[in-house]
């Protein structure tokens, strides 16, 4: 299962549709607190985070996932319109597995997600 934490409804719908078409189960949260609660309850295989959320940043959510678990090694992809080097560096510096700049090509997102999931499985072996 993939957890999407994104506050923009249209983008939630697009991500859900793309991921479900690729065969993934998806759950969606519209803010950080709900996203963290779903992360703890559902223990998703990966998390896709927006940076700009109404109650906290995706960077903060990523830091909390890494620090608090329950599965701190869960692949986390940050998906943001922030393309400057400092935004990417902050995303990777907070523990994100990858950083995808919006707008993105669907195949690029799916490839990055698949790669992150495979690397996670390989580490567990």
PDB file of N, CA and C in Angstrom:
ATOM      1  N   UNK A   1       0.824  -1.171   0.000  1.00  0.00           N
ATOM      2  CA  UNK A   1       0.000   0.000   0.000  1.00  0.00           C
ATOM      3  C   UNK A   1       0.881   1.252   0.000  1.00  0.00           C
ATOM      4  N   UNK A   2       0.410   2.271  -0.731  1.00  0.00           N
ATOM      5  CA  UNK A   2       1.120   3.539  -0.813  1.00  0.00           C
ATOM      6  C   UNK A   2       0.277   4.600  -0.121  1.00  0.00           C
ATOM      7  N   UNK A   3       0.885   5.340   0.784  1.00  0.00           N
ATOM      8  CA  UNK A   3       0.234   6.456   1.456  1.00  0.00           C
ATOM      9  C   UNK A   3       0.609   7.742   0.739  1.00  0.00           C
ATOM     10  N   UNK A   4      -0.396   8.497   0.322  1.00  0.00           N
ATOM     11  CA  UNK A   4      -0.196   9.812  -0.284  1.00  0.00           C
ATOM     12  C   UNK A   4      -0.618  10.856   0.735  1.00  0.00           C
ATOM     13  N   UNK A   5       0.270  11.804   1.033  1.00  0.00           N
ATOM     14  CA  UNK A   5      -0.062  12.921   1.916  1.00  0.00           C
ATOM     15  C   UNK A   5       0.014  14.179   1.057  1.00  0.00           C
ATOM     16  N   UNK A   6      -1.152  14.668   0.669  1.00  0.00           N
ATOM     17  CA  UNK A   6      -1.276  15.763  -0.297  1.00  0.00           C
ATOM     18  C   UNK A   6      -2.566  16.510   0.007  1.00  0.00           C
ATOM     19  N   UNK A   7      -2.494  17.844   0.071  1.00  0.00           N
ATOM     20  CA  UNK A   7      -3.686  18.615   0.408  1.00  0.00           C
ATOM     21  C   UNK A   7      -4.512  19.045  -0.796  1.00  0.00           C
ATOM     22  N   UNK A   8      -3.960  19.039  -1.981  1.00  0.00           N
ATOM     23  CA  UNK A   8      -4.706  19.458  -3.168  1.00  0.00           C
ATOM     24  C   UNK A   8      -5.504  18.278  -3.717  1.00  0.00           C
ATOM     25  N   UNK A   9      -6.819  18.422  -3.667  1.00  0.00           N
ATOM     26  CA  UNK A   9      -7.724  17.321  -4.032  1.00  0.00           C
ATOM     27  C   UNK A   9      -7.482  16.822  -5.459  1.00  0.00           C
ATOM     28  N   UNK A  10      -7.305  17.723  -6.416  1.00  0.00           N
ATOM     29  CA  UNK A  10      -7.094  17.301  -7.805  1.00  0.00           C
ATOM     30  C   UNK A  10      -5.829  16.452  -7.933  1.00  0.00           C
ATOM     31  N   UNK A  11      -4.769  16.874  -7.239  1.00  0.00           N
ATOM     32  CA  UNK A  11      -3.517  16.129  -7.313  1.00  0.00           C
ATOM     33  C   UNK A  11      -3.642  14.791  -6.591  1.00  0.00           C
ATOM     34  N   UNK A  12      -4.387  14.759  -5.478  1.00  0.00           N
ATOM     35  CA  UNK A  12      -4.670  13.490  -4.799  1.00  0.00           C
ATOM     36  C   UNK A  12      -5.318  12.513  -5.770  1.00  0.00           C
ATOM     37  N   UNK A  13      -6.331  13.002  -6.480  1.00  0.00           N
ATOM     38  CA  UNK A  13      -7.077  12.150  -7.403  1.00  0.00           C
ATOM     39  C   UNK A  13      -6.195  11.619  -8.521  1.00  0.00           C
ATOM     40  N   UNK A  14      -5.348  12.480  -9.076  1.00  0.00           N
ATOM     41  CA  UNK A  14      -4.445  12.057 -10.152  1.00  0.00           C
ATOM     42  C   UNK A  14      -3.463  11.001  -9.644  1.00  0.00           C
ATOM     43  N   UNK A  15      -2.847  11.264  -8.502  1.00  0.00           N
ATOM     44  CA  UNK A  15      -1.898  10.298  -7.942  1.00  0.00           C
ATOM     45  C   UNK A  15      -2.579   8.966  -7.643  1.00  0.00           C
ATOM     46  N   UNK A  16      -3.745   9.032  -7.042  1.00  0.00           N
ATOM     47  CA  UNK A  16      -4.483   7.804  -6.729  1.00  0.00           C
ATOM     48  C   UNK A  16      -4.766   7.012  -8.006  1.00  0.00           C
ATOM     49  N   UNK A  17      -5.253   7.693  -9.024  1.00  0.00           N
ATOM     50  CA  UNK A  17      -5.598   7.030 -10.274  1.00  0.00           C
ATOM     51  C   UNK A  17      -4.367   6.379 -10.915  1.00  0.00           C
ATOM     52  N   UNK A  18      -3.262   7.104 -10.959  1.00  0.00           N
ATOM     53  CA  UNK A  18      -2.024   6.592 -11.565  1.00  0.00           C
ATOM     54  C   UNK A  18      -1.507   5.380 -10.794  1.00  0.00           C
ATOM     55  N   UNK A  19      -1.475   5.483  -9.477  1.00  0.00           N
ATOM     56  CA  UNK A  19      -0.942   4.390  -8.663  1.00  0.00           C
ATOM     57  C   UNK A  19      -1.852   3.168  -8.680  1.00  0.00           C
ATOM     58  N   UNK A  20      -3.157   3.386  -8.626  1.00  0.00           N
ATOM     59  CA  UNK A  20      -4.076   2.249  -8.688  1.00  0.00           C
ATOM     60  C   UNK A  20      -4.020   1.567 -10.044  1.00  0.00           C
ATOM     61  N   UNK A  21      -3.874   2.351 -11.117  1.00  0.00           N
ATOM     62  CA  UNK A  21      -3.734   1.771 -12.454  1.00  0.00           C
ATOM     63  C   UNK A  21      -2.459   0.935 -12.565  1.00  0.00           C
ATOM     64  N   UNK A  22      -1.446   1.289 -11.764  1.00  0.00           N
ATOM     65  CA  UNK A  22      -0.185   0.537 -11.756  1.00  0.00           C
ATOM     66  C   UNK A  22      -0.255  -0.669 -10.815  1.00  0.00           C
ATOM     67  N   UNK A  23      -1.408  -0.868 -10.161  1.00  0.00           N
ATOM     68  CA  UNK A  23      -1.587  -2.043  -9.328  1.00  0.00           C
ATOM     69  C   UNK A  23      -1.391  -1.843  -7.835  1.00  0.00           C
ATOM     70  N   UNK A  24      -1.185  -0.613  -7.401  1.00  0.00           N
ATOM     71  CA  UNK A  24      -0.972  -0.339  -5.981  1.00  0.00           C
ATOM     72  C   UNK A  24      -2.292  -0.084  -5.264  1.00  0.00           C
ATOM     73  N   UNK A  25      -2.373  -0.492  -3.993  1.00  0.00           N
ATOM     74  CA  UNK A  25      -3.432  -0.032  -3.098  1.00  0.00           C
ATOM     75  C   UNK A  25      -2.983   1.327  -2.600  1.00  0.00           C
ATOM     76  N   UNK A  26      -3.914   2.245  -2.422  1.00  0.00           N
ATOM     77  CA  UNK A  26      -3.574   3.616  -2.063  1.00  0.00           C
ATOM     78  C   UNK A  26      -4.472   4.094  -0.933  1.00  0.00           C
ATOM     79  N   UNK A  27      -3.889   4.841   0.003  1.00  0.00           N
ATOM     80  CA  UNK A  27      -4.689   5.601   0.958  1.00  0.00           C
ATOM     81  C   UNK A  27      -4.175   7.038   0.918  1.00  0.00           C
ATOM     82  N   UNK A  28      -5.063   7.977   1.228  1.00  0.00           N
ATOM     83  CA  UNK A  28      -4.755   9.393   1.055  1.00  0.00           C
ATOM     84  C   UNK A  28      -5.071  10.160   2.327  1.00  0.00           C
ATOM     85  N   UNK A  29      -4.182  11.090   2.651  1.00  0.00           N
ATOM     86  CA  UNK A  29      -4.404  12.025   3.755  1.00  0.00           C
ATOM     87  C   UNK A  29      -4.235  13.440   3.209  1.00  0.00           C
ATOM     88  N   UNK A  30      -5.062  14.357   3.707  1.00  0.00           N
ATOM     89  CA  UNK A  30      -5.013  15.732   3.239  1.00  0.00           C
ATOM     90  C   UNK A  30      -4.193  16.671   4.091  1.00  0.00           C
ATOM     91  N   UNK A  31      -3.610  16.156   5.179  1.00  0.00           N
ATOM     92  CA  UNK A  31      -2.741  16.987   6.021  1.00  0.00           C
ATOM     93  C   UNK A  31      -1.740  16.088   6.750  1.00  0.00           C
ATOM     94  N   UNK A  32      -0.807  16.714   7.412  1.00  0.00           N
ATOM     95  CA  UNK A  32       0.279  15.984   8.041  1.00  0.00           C
ATOM     96  C   UNK A  32      -0.145  15.109   9.215  1.00  0.00           C
ATOM     97  N   UNK A  33      -0.976  15.621  10.102  1.00  0.00           N
ATOM     98  CA  UNK A  33      -1.382  14.834  11.269  1.00  0.00           C
ATOM     99  C   UNK A  33      -2.153  13.588  10.851  1.00  0.00           C
ATOM    100  N   UNK A  34      -3.068  13.738   9.908  1.00  0.00           N
ATOM    101  CA  UNK A  34      -3.806  12.580   9.409  1.00  0.00           C
ATOM    102  C   UNK A  34      -2.865  11.618   8.710  1.00  0.00           C
ATOM    103  N   UNK A  35      -1.919  12.172   7.952  1.00  0.00           N
ATOM    104  CA  UNK A  35      -0.929  11.334   7.270  1.00  0.00           C
ATOM    105  C   UNK A  35      -0.093  10.522   8.242  1.00  0.00           C
ATOM    106  N   UNK A  36       0.368  11.150   9.312  1.00  0.00           N
ATOM    107  CA  UNK A  36       1.156  10.425  10.312  1.00  0.00           C
ATOM    108  C   UNK A  36       0.323   9.347  11.015  1.00  0.00           C
ATOM    109  N   UNK A  37      -0.940   9.662  11.294  1.00  0.00           N
ATOM    110  CA  UNK A  37      -1.813   8.671  11.924  1.00  0.00           C
ATOM    111  C   UNK A  37      -2.023   7.473  10.993  1.00  0.00           C
ATOM    112  N   UNK A  38      -2.272   7.736   9.714  1.00  0.00           N
ATOM    113  CA  UNK A  38      -2.436   6.641   8.753  1.00  0.00           C
ATOM    114  C   UNK A  38      -1.144   5.844   8.602  1.00  0.00           C
ATOM    115  N   UNK A  39      -0.016   6.533   8.614  1.00  0.00           N
ATOM    116  CA  UNK A  39       1.280   5.851   8.521  1.00  0.00           C
ATOM    117  C   UNK A  39       1.438   4.868   9.681  1.00  0.00           C
ATOM    118  N   UNK A  40       1.118   5.318  10.889  1.00  0.00           N
ATOM    119  CA  UNK A  40       1.252   4.449  12.067  1.00  0.00           C
ATOM    120  C   UNK A  40       0.274   3.275  12.016  1.00  0.00           C
ATOM    121  N   UNK A  41      -0.955   3.536  11.585  1.00  0.00           N
ATOM    122  CA  UNK A  41      -1.992   2.492  11.549  1.00  0.00           C
ATOM    123  C   UNK A  41      -1.770   1.485  10.422  1.00  0.00           C
ATOM    124  N   UNK A  42      -1.498   1.992   9.243  1.00  0.00           N
ATOM    125  CA  UNK A  42      -1.500   1.146   8.044  1.00  0.00           C
ATOM    126  C   UNK A  42      -0.136   0.565   7.700  1.00  0.00           C
ATOM    127  N   UNK A  43       0.945   1.131   8.245  1.00  0.00           N
ATOM    128  CA  UNK A  43       2.307   0.697   7.915  1.00  0.00           C
ATOM    129  C   UNK A  43       2.457   0.502   6.402  1.00  0.00           C
ATOM    130  N   UNK A  44       2.338   1.591   5.626  1.00  0.00           N
ATOM    131  CA  UNK A  44       2.391   1.482   4.166  1.00  0.00           C
ATOM    132  C   UNK A  44       3.766   1.033   3.683  1.00  0.00           C
ATOM    133  N   UNK A  45       3.788   0.550   2.448  1.00  0.00           N
ATOM    134  CA  UNK A  45       5.051   0.135   1.829  1.00  0.00           C
ATOM    135  C   UNK A  45       5.891   1.334   1.421  1.00  0.00           C
ATOM    136  N   UNK A  46       5.236   2.459   1.144  1.00  0.00           N
ATOM    137  CA  UNK A  46       5.929   3.694   0.774  1.00  0.00           C
ATOM    138  C   UNK A  46       5.002   4.873   1.047  1.00  0.00           C
ATOM    139  N   UNK A  47       5.612   6.060   1.159  1.00  0.00           N
ATOM    140  CA  UNK A  47       4.872   7.292   1.411  1.00  0.00           C
ATOM    141  C   UNK A  47       5.288   8.317   0.362  1.00  0.00           C
ATOM    142  N   UNK A  48       4.284   8.987  -0.207  1.00  0.00           N
ATOM    143  CA  UNK A  48       4.534  10.104  -1.120  1.00  0.00           C
ATOM    144  C   UNK A  48       4.032  11.355  -0.419  1.00  0.00           C
ATOM    145  N   UNK A  49       4.940  12.302  -0.190  1.00  0.00           N
ATOM    146  CA  UNK A  49       4.637  13.511   0.581  1.00  0.00           C
ATOM    147  C   UNK A  49       4.708  14.768  -0.263  1.00  0.00           C
ATOM    148  N   UNK A  50       3.711  15.628  -0.101  1.00  0.00           N
ATOM    149  CA  UNK A  50       3.807  16.992  -0.600  1.00  0.00           C
ATOM    150  C   UNK A  50       4.631  17.767   0.431  1.00  0.00           C
ATOM    151  N   UNK A  51       5.302  18.816   0.002  1.00  0.00           N
ATOM    152  CA  UNK A  51       6.073  19.625   0.948  1.00  0.00           C
ATOM    153  C   UNK A  51       5.170  20.609   1.680  1.00  0.00           C
ATOM    154  N   UNK A  52       4.283  21.277   0.936  1.00  0.00           N
ATOM    155  CA  UNK A  52       3.460  22.344   1.507  1.00  0.00           C
ATOM    156  C   UNK A  52       2.088  21.796   1.898  1.00  0.00           C
ATOM    157  N   UNK A  53       1.921  21.559   3.181  1.00  0.00           N
ATOM    158  CA  UNK A  53       0.663  21.063   3.726  1.00  0.00           C
ATOM    159  C   UNK A  53       0.122  22.100   4.711  1.00  0.00           C
ATOM    160  N   UNK A  54      -1.165  22.061   5.012  1.00  0.00           N
ATOM    161  CA  UNK A  54      -1.733  23.113   5.866  1.00  0.00           C
ATOM    162  C   UNK A  54      -1.229  23.120   7.305  1.00  0.00           C
ATOM    163  N   UNK A  55      -0.805  21.967   7.839  1.00  0.00           N
ATOM    164  CA  UNK A  55      -0.443  21.929   9.250  1.00  0.00           C
ATOM    165  C   UNK A  55       1.029  21.680   9.538  1.00  0.00           C
ATOM    166  N   UNK A  56       1.768  21.148   8.578  1.00  0.00           N
ATOM    167  CA  UNK A  56       3.208  20.926   8.758  1.00  0.00           C
ATOM    168  C   UNK A  56       3.813  20.650   7.396  1.00  0.00           C
ATOM    169  N   UNK A  57       5.109  20.704   7.304  1.00  0.00           N
ATOM    170  CA  UNK A  57       5.745  20.459   6.012  1.00  0.00           C
ATOM    171  C   UNK A  57       5.992  18.962   5.806  1.00  0.00           C
ATOM    172  N   UNK A  58       6.076  18.584   4.550  1.00  0.00           N
ATOM    173  CA  UNK A  58       6.440  17.209   4.229  1.00  0.00           C
ATOM    174  C   UNK A  58       7.810  16.853   4.782  1.00  0.00           C
ATOM    175  N   UNK A  59       8.701  17.838   4.857  1.00  0.00           N
ATOM    176  CA  UNK A  59      10.021  17.591   5.438  1.00  0.00           C
ATOM    177  C   UNK A  59       9.883  17.163   6.903  1.00  0.00           C
ATOM    178  N   UNK A  60       8.997  17.871   7.637  1.00  0.00           N
ATOM    179  CA  UNK A  60       8.782  17.521   9.047  1.00  0.00           C
ATOM    180  C   UNK A  60       8.172  16.130   9.187  1.00  0.00           C
ATOM    181  N   UNK A  61       7.246  15.793   8.315  1.00  0.00           N
ATOM    182  CA  UNK A  61       6.649  14.452   8.347  1.00  0.00           C
ATOM    183  C   UNK A  61       7.716  13.399   8.106  1.00  0.00           C
ATOM    184  N   UNK A  62       8.565  13.627   7.118  1.00  0.00           N
ATOM    185  CA  UNK A  62       9.639  12.679   6.826  1.00  0.00           C
ATOM    186  C   UNK A  62      10.555  12.514   8.032  1.00  0.00           C
ATOM    187  N   UNK A  63      10.934  13.612   8.653  1.00  0.00           N
ATOM    188  CA  UNK A  63      11.783  13.531   9.849  1.00  0.00           C
ATOM    189  C   UNK A  63      11.115  12.704  10.950  1.00  0.00           C
ATOM    190  N   UNK A  64       9.805  12.891  11.123  1.00  0.00           N
ATOM    191  CA  UNK A  64       9.090  12.144  12.164  1.00  0.00           C
ATOM    192  C   UNK A  64       8.989  10.663  11.822  1.00  0.00           C
ATOM    193  N   UNK A  65       8.773  10.357  10.563  1.00  0.00           N
ATOM    194  CA  UNK A  65       8.757   8.946  10.150  1.00  0.00           C
ATOM    195  C   UNK A  65      10.099   8.308  10.468  1.00  0.00           C
ATOM    196  N   UNK A  66      11.167   8.993  10.127  1.00  0.00           N
ATOM    197  CA  UNK A  66      12.511   8.449  10.365  1.00  0.00           C
ATOM    198  C   UNK A  66      12.816   8.327  11.857  1.00  0.00           C
ATOM    199  N   UNK A  67      12.350   9.280  12.650  1.00  0.00           N
ATOM    200  CA  UNK A  67      12.672   9.283  14.082  1.00  0.00           C
ATOM    201  C   UNK A  67      11.738   8.411  14.922  1.00  0.00           C
ATOM    202  N   UNK A  68      10.451   8.345  14.540  1.00  0.00           N
ATOM    203  CA  UNK A  68       9.463   7.718  15.406  1.00  0.00           C
ATOM    204  C   UNK A  68       8.967   6.364  14.928  1.00  0.00           C
ATOM    205  N   UNK A  69       9.184   6.029  13.659  1.00  0.00           N
ATOM    206  CA  UNK A  69       8.696   4.756  13.140  1.00  0.00           C
ATOM    207  C   UNK A  69       7.189   4.716  13.024  1.00  0.00           C
ATOM    208  N   UNK A  70       6.582   3.567  12.997  1.00  0.00           N
ATOM    209  CA  UNK A  70       7.074   2.272  13.443  1.00  0.00           C
ATOM    210  C   UNK A  70       8.029   1.588  12.463  1.00  0.00           C
ATOM    211  N   UNK A  71       8.040   2.005  11.229  1.00  0.00           N
ATOM    212  CA  UNK A  71       8.978   1.448  10.245  1.00  0.00           C
ATOM    213  C   UNK A  71       9.795   2.598   9.679  1.00  0.00           C
ATOM    214  N   UNK A  72      10.831   3.032  10.384  1.00  0.00           N
ATOM    215  CA  UNK A  72      11.558   4.225   9.966  1.00  0.00           C
ATOM    216  C   UNK A  72      12.298   4.088   8.632  1.00  0.00           C
ATOM    217  N   UNK A  73      12.404   2.869   8.132  1.00  0.00           N
ATOM    218  CA  UNK A  73      13.090   2.665   6.853  1.00  0.00           C
ATOM    219  C   UNK A  73      12.125   2.654   5.664  1.00  0.00           C
ATOM    220  N   UNK A  74      10.847   2.978   5.898  1.00  0.00           N
ATOM    221  CA  UNK A  74       9.856   3.048   4.830  1.00  0.00           C
ATOM    222  C   UNK A  74      10.318   4.017   3.745  1.00  0.00           C
ATOM    223  N   UNK A  75      10.271   3.623   2.474  1.00  0.00           N
ATOM    224  CA  UNK A  75      10.623   4.568   1.409  1.00  0.00           C
ATOM    225  C   UNK A  75       9.693   5.784   1.416  1.00  0.00           C
ATOM    226  N   UNK A  76      10.300   6.967   1.340  1.00  0.00           N
ATOM    227  CA  UNK A  76       9.557   8.224   1.325  1.00  0.00           C
ATOM    228  C   UNK A  76       9.978   9.020   0.098  1.00  0.00           C
ATOM    229  N   UNK A  77       9.004   9.350  -0.743  1.00  0.00           N
ATOM    230  CA  UNK A  77       9.252  10.204  -1.897  1.00  0.00           C
ATOM    231  C   UNK A  77       8.603  11.548  -1.630  1.00  0.00           C
ATOM    232  N   UNK A  78       9.382  12.601  -1.721  1.00  0.00           N
ATOM    233  CA  UNK A  78       8.839  13.940  -1.581  1.00  0.00           C
ATOM    234  C   UNK A  78       8.517  14.435  -2.982  1.00  0.00           C
ATOM    235  N   UNK A  79       7.329  14.983  -3.116  1.00  0.00           N
ATOM    236  CA  UNK A  79       6.824  15.437  -4.404  1.00  0.00           C
ATOM    237  C   UNK A  79       6.463  16.911  -4.248  1.00  0.00           C
ATOM    238  N   UNK A  80       7.203  17.799  -4.915  1.00  0.00           N
ATOM    239  CA  UNK A  80       7.028  19.227  -4.665  1.00  0.00           C
ATOM    240  C   UNK A  80       7.278  20.054  -5.909  1.00  0.00           C
ATOM    241  N   UNK A  81       6.718  21.254  -5.915  1.00  0.00           N
ATOM    242  CA  UNK A  81       7.018  22.193  -6.987  1.00  0.00           C
ATOM    243  C   UNK A  81       8.360  22.887  -6.743  1.00  0.00           C
ATOM    244  N   UNK A  82       8.899  22.720  -5.539  1.00  0.00           N
ATOM    245  CA  UNK A  82      10.192  23.334  -5.212  1.00  0.00           C
ATOM    246  C   UNK A  82      11.310  22.586  -5.924  1.00  0.00           C
ATOM    247  N   UNK A  83      11.866  23.221  -6.945  1.00  0.00           N
ATOM    248  CA  UNK A  83      12.896  22.557  -7.735  1.00  0.00           C
ATOM    249  C   UNK A  83      14.292  23.113  -7.485  1.00  0.00           C
ATOM    250  N   UNK A  84      14.390  24.173  -6.684  1.00  0.00           N
ATOM    251  CA  UNK A  84      15.710  24.737  -6.430  1.00  0.00           C
ATOM    252  C   UNK A  84      16.557  23.744  -5.624  1.00  0.00           C
ATOM    253  N   UNK A  85      17.840  23.885  -5.753  1.00  0.00           N
ATOM    254  CA  UNK A  85      18.765  22.950  -5.118  1.00  0.00           C
ATOM    255  C   UNK A  85      18.537  22.879  -3.607  1.00  0.00           C
ATOM    256  N   UNK A  86      18.245  24.007  -2.967  1.00  0.00           N
ATOM    257  CA  UNK A  86      18.069  23.996  -1.511  1.00  0.00           C
ATOM    258  C   UNK A  86      16.858  23.156  -1.107  1.00  0.00           C
ATOM    259  N   UNK A  87      15.782  23.183  -1.890  1.00  0.00           N
ATOM    260  CA  UNK A  87      14.613  22.370  -1.574  1.00  0.00           C
ATOM    261  C   UNK A  87      14.891  20.888  -1.717  1.00  0.00           C
ATOM    262  N   UNK A  88      15.563  20.533  -2.796  1.00  0.00           N
ATOM    263  CA  UNK A  88      15.927  19.130  -3.008  1.00  0.00           C
ATOM    264  C   UNK A  88      16.879  18.668  -1.913  1.00  0.00           C
ATOM    265  N   UNK A  89      17.867  19.500  -1.594  1.00  0.00           N
ATOM    266  CA  UNK A  89      18.834  19.145  -0.551  1.00  0.00           C
ATOM    267  C   UNK A  89      18.145  18.979   0.798  1.00  0.00           C
ATOM    268  N   UNK A  90      17.195  19.857   1.109  1.00  0.00           N
ATOM    269  CA  UNK A  90      16.484  19.728   2.383  1.00  0.00           C
ATOM    270  C   UNK A  90      15.665  18.439   2.413  1.00  0.00           C
ATOM    271  N   UNK A  91      15.021  18.127   1.290  1.00  0.00           N
ATOM    272  CA  UNK A  91      14.228  16.903   1.223  1.00  0.00           C
ATOM    273  C   UNK A  91      15.067  15.663   1.433  1.00  0.00           C
ATOM    274  N   UNK A  92      16.180  15.585   0.746  1.00  0.00           N
ATOM    275  CA  UNK A  92      17.061  14.426   0.907  1.00  0.00           C
ATOM    276  C   UNK A  92      17.745  14.448   2.271  1.00  0.00           C
ATOM    277  N   UNK A  93      18.028  15.645   2.777  1.00  0.00           N
ATOM    278  CA  UNK A  93      18.666  15.775   4.077  1.00  0.00           C
ATOM    279  C   UNK A  93      17.771  15.363   5.234  1.00  0.00           C
ATOM    280  N   UNK A  94      16.460  15.451   5.055  1.00  0.00           N
ATOM    281  CA  UNK A  94      15.551  15.057   6.132  1.00  0.00           C
ATOM    282  C   UNK A  94      15.270  13.556   6.105  1.00  0.00           C
ATOM    283  N   UNK A  95      15.870  12.864   5.130  1.00  0.00           N
ATOM    284  CA  UNK A  95      15.739  11.413   5.098  1.00  0.00           C
ATOM    285  C   UNK A  95      14.894  10.853   3.977  1.00  0.00           C
ATOM    286  N   UNK A  96      14.447  11.703   3.055  1.00  0.00           N
ATOM    287  CA  UNK A  96      13.650  11.206   1.940  1.00  0.00           C
ATOM    288  C   UNK A  96      14.475  10.263   1.070  1.00  0.00           C
ATOM    289  N   UNK A  97      13.807   9.272   0.535  1.00  0.00           N
ATOM    290  CA  UNK A  97      14.440   8.317  -0.359  1.00  0.00           C
ATOM    291  C   UNK A  97      14.696   8.946  -1.721  1.00  0.00           C
ATOM    292  N   UNK A  98      13.758   9.789  -2.157  1.00  0.00           N
ATOM    293  CA  UNK A  98      13.869  10.451  -3.453  1.00  0.00           C
ATOM    294  C   UNK A  98      13.041  11.726  -3.418  1.00  0.00           C
ATOM    295  N   UNK A  99      13.254  12.577  -4.417  1.00  0.00           N
ATOM    296  CA  UNK A  99      12.601  13.870  -4.510  1.00  0.00           C
ATOM    297  C   UNK A  99      12.125  14.030  -5.937  1.00  0.00           C
ATOM    298  N   UNK A 100      10.822  14.190  -6.136  1.00  0.00           N
ATOM    299  CA  UNK A 100      10.228  14.306  -7.461  1.00  0.00           C
ATOM    300  C   UNK A 100       9.651  15.710  -7.603  1.00  0.00           C
ATOM    301  N   UNK A 101      10.021  16.394  -8.682  1.00  0.00           N
ATOM    302  CA  UNK A 101       9.576  17.768  -8.897  1.00  0.00           C
ATOM    303  C   UNK A 101       8.278  17.760  -9.711  1.00  0.00           C
ATOM    304  N   UNK A 102       7.264  18.494  -9.195  1.00  0.00           N
ATOM    305  CA  UNK A 102       6.004  18.689  -9.919  1.00  0.00           C
ATOM    306  C   UNK A 102       6.181  19.819 -10.925  1.00  0.00           C
ATOM    307  N   UNK A 103       5.591  19.750 -12.081  1.00  0.00           N
ATOM    308  CA  UNK A 103       4.888  18.605 -12.641  1.00  0.00           C
ATOM    309  C   UNK A 103       5.899  17.541 -13.064  1.00  0.00           C
ATOM    310  N   UNK A 104       5.471  16.309 -13.068  1.00  0.00           N
ATOM    311  CA  UNK A 104       6.359  15.208 -13.401  1.00  0.00           C
ATOM    312  C   UNK A 104       5.709  14.325 -14.450  1.00  0.00           C
ATOM    313  N   UNK A 105       6.521  13.512 -15.078  1.00  0.00           N
ATOM    314  CA  UNK A 105       6.009  12.501 -15.994  1.00  0.00           C
ATOM    315  C   UNK A 105       5.573  11.303 -15.158  1.00  0.00           C
ATOM    316  N   UNK A 106       4.421  10.751 -15.465  1.00  0.00           N
ATOM    317  CA  UNK A 106       3.887   9.622 -14.705  1.00  0.00           C
ATOM    318  C   UNK A 106       4.869   8.461 -14.673  1.00  0.00           C
ATOM    319  N   UNK A 107       5.459   8.146 -15.819  1.00  0.00           N
ATOM    320  CA  UNK A 107       6.397   7.012 -15.849  1.00  0.00           C
ATOM    321  C   UNK A 107       7.611   7.276 -14.961  1.00  0.00           C
ATOM    322  N   UNK A 108       8.019   8.539 -14.830  1.00  0.00           N
ATOM    323  CA  UNK A 108       9.150   8.869 -13.965  1.00  0.00           C
ATOM    324  C   UNK A 108       8.792   8.614 -12.499  1.00  0.00           C
ATOM    325  N   UNK A 109       7.614   9.052 -12.077  1.00  0.00           N
ATOM    326  CA  UNK A 109       7.186   8.809 -10.698  1.00  0.00           C
ATOM    327  C   UNK A 109       7.104   7.308 -10.424  1.00  0.00           C
ATOM    328  N   UNK A 110       6.483   6.560 -11.323  1.00  0.00           N
ATOM    329  CA  UNK A 110       6.346   5.121 -11.118  1.00  0.00           C
ATOM    330  C   UNK A 110       7.698   4.424 -11.088  1.00  0.00           C
ATOM    331  N   UNK A 111       8.609   4.859 -11.942  1.00  0.00           N
ATOM    332  CA  UNK A 111       9.944   4.266 -11.955  1.00  0.00           C
ATOM    333  C   UNK A 111      10.677   4.539 -10.644  1.00  0.00           C
ATOM    334  N   UNK A 112      10.588   5.761 -10.161  1.00  0.00           N
ATOM    335  CA  UNK A 112      11.252   6.109  -8.900  1.00  0.00           C
ATOM    336  C   UNK A 112      10.640   5.353  -7.715  1.00  0.00           C
ATOM    337  N   UNK A 113       9.317   5.228  -7.724  1.00  0.00           N
ATOM    338  CA  UNK A 113       8.645   4.489  -6.671  1.00  0.00           C
ATOM    339  C   UNK A 113       9.045   3.016  -6.710  1.00  0.00           C
ATOM    340  N   UNK A 114       9.019   2.424  -7.885  1.00  0.00           N
ATOM    341  CA  UNK A 114       9.421   1.016  -8.028  1.00  0.00           C
ATOM    342  C   UNK A 114      10.863   0.806  -7.568  1.00  0.00           C
ATOM    343  N   UNK A 115      11.743   1.726  -7.947  1.00  0.00           N
ATOM    344  CA  UNK A 115      13.157   1.628  -7.554  1.00  0.00           C
ATOM    345  C   UNK A 115      13.310   1.723  -6.038  1.00  0.00           C
ATOM    346  N   UNK A 116      12.583   2.644  -5.423  1.00  0.00           N
ATOM    347  CA  UNK A 116      12.656   2.806  -3.960  1.00  0.00           C
ATOM    348  C   UNK A 116      12.140   1.563  -3.249  1.00  0.00           C
ATOM    349  N   UNK A 117      11.045   1.010  -3.751  1.00  0.00           N
ATOM    350  CA  UNK A 117      10.494  -0.197  -3.139  1.00  0.00           C
ATOM    351  C   UNK A 117      11.434  -1.383  -3.307  1.00  0.00           C
ATOM    352  N   UNK A 118      12.028  -1.531  -4.481  1.00  0.00           N
ATOM    353  CA  UNK A 118      12.951  -2.641  -4.710  1.00  0.00           C
ATOM    354  C   UNK A 118      14.196  -2.516  -3.836  1.00  0.00           C
ATOM    355  N   UNK A 119      14.732  -1.312  -3.722  1.00  0.00           N
ATOM    356  CA  UNK A 119      15.902  -1.100  -2.870  1.00  0.00           C
ATOM    357  C   UNK A 119      15.568  -1.427  -1.414  1.00  0.00           C
ATOM    358  N   UNK A 120      14.376  -1.092  -0.993  1.00  0.00           N
ATOM    359  CA  UNK A 120      13.938  -1.396   0.375  1.00  0.00           C
ATOM    360  C   UNK A 120      13.879  -2.909   0.588  1.00  0.00           C
ATOM    361  N   UNK A 121      13.308  -3.618  -0.351  1.00  0.00           N
ATOM    362  CA  UNK A 121      13.231  -5.089  -0.263  1.00  0.00           C
ATOM    363  C   UNK A 121      14.630  -5.673  -0.247  1.00  0.00           C
ATOM    364  N   UNK A 122      15.508  -5.184  -1.099  1.00  0.00           N
ATOM    365  CA  UNK A 122      16.889  -5.697  -1.162  1.00  0.00           C
ATOM    366  C   UNK A 122      17.618  -5.493   0.167  1.00  0.00           C
ATOM    367  N   UNK A 123      17.375  -4.355   0.832  1.00  0.00           N
ATOM    368  CA  UNK A 123      18.009  -4.087   2.133  1.00  0.00           C
ATOM    369  C   UNK A 123      17.516  -5.051   3.205  1.00  0.00           C
ATOM    370  N   UNK A 124      16.261  -5.480   3.086  1.00  0.00           N
ATOM    371  CA  UNK A 124      15.685  -6.367   4.087  1.00  0.00           C
ATOM    372  C   UNK A 124      16.194  -7.808   3.954  1.00  0.00           C
ATOM    373  N   UNK A 125      16.746  -8.134   2.828  1.00  0.00           N
ATOM    374  CA  UNK A 125      17.241  -9.513   2.604  1.00  0.00           C
ATOM    375  C   UNK A 125      18.537  -9.746   3.315  1.00  0.00           C
TER     376      UNK A 125
END
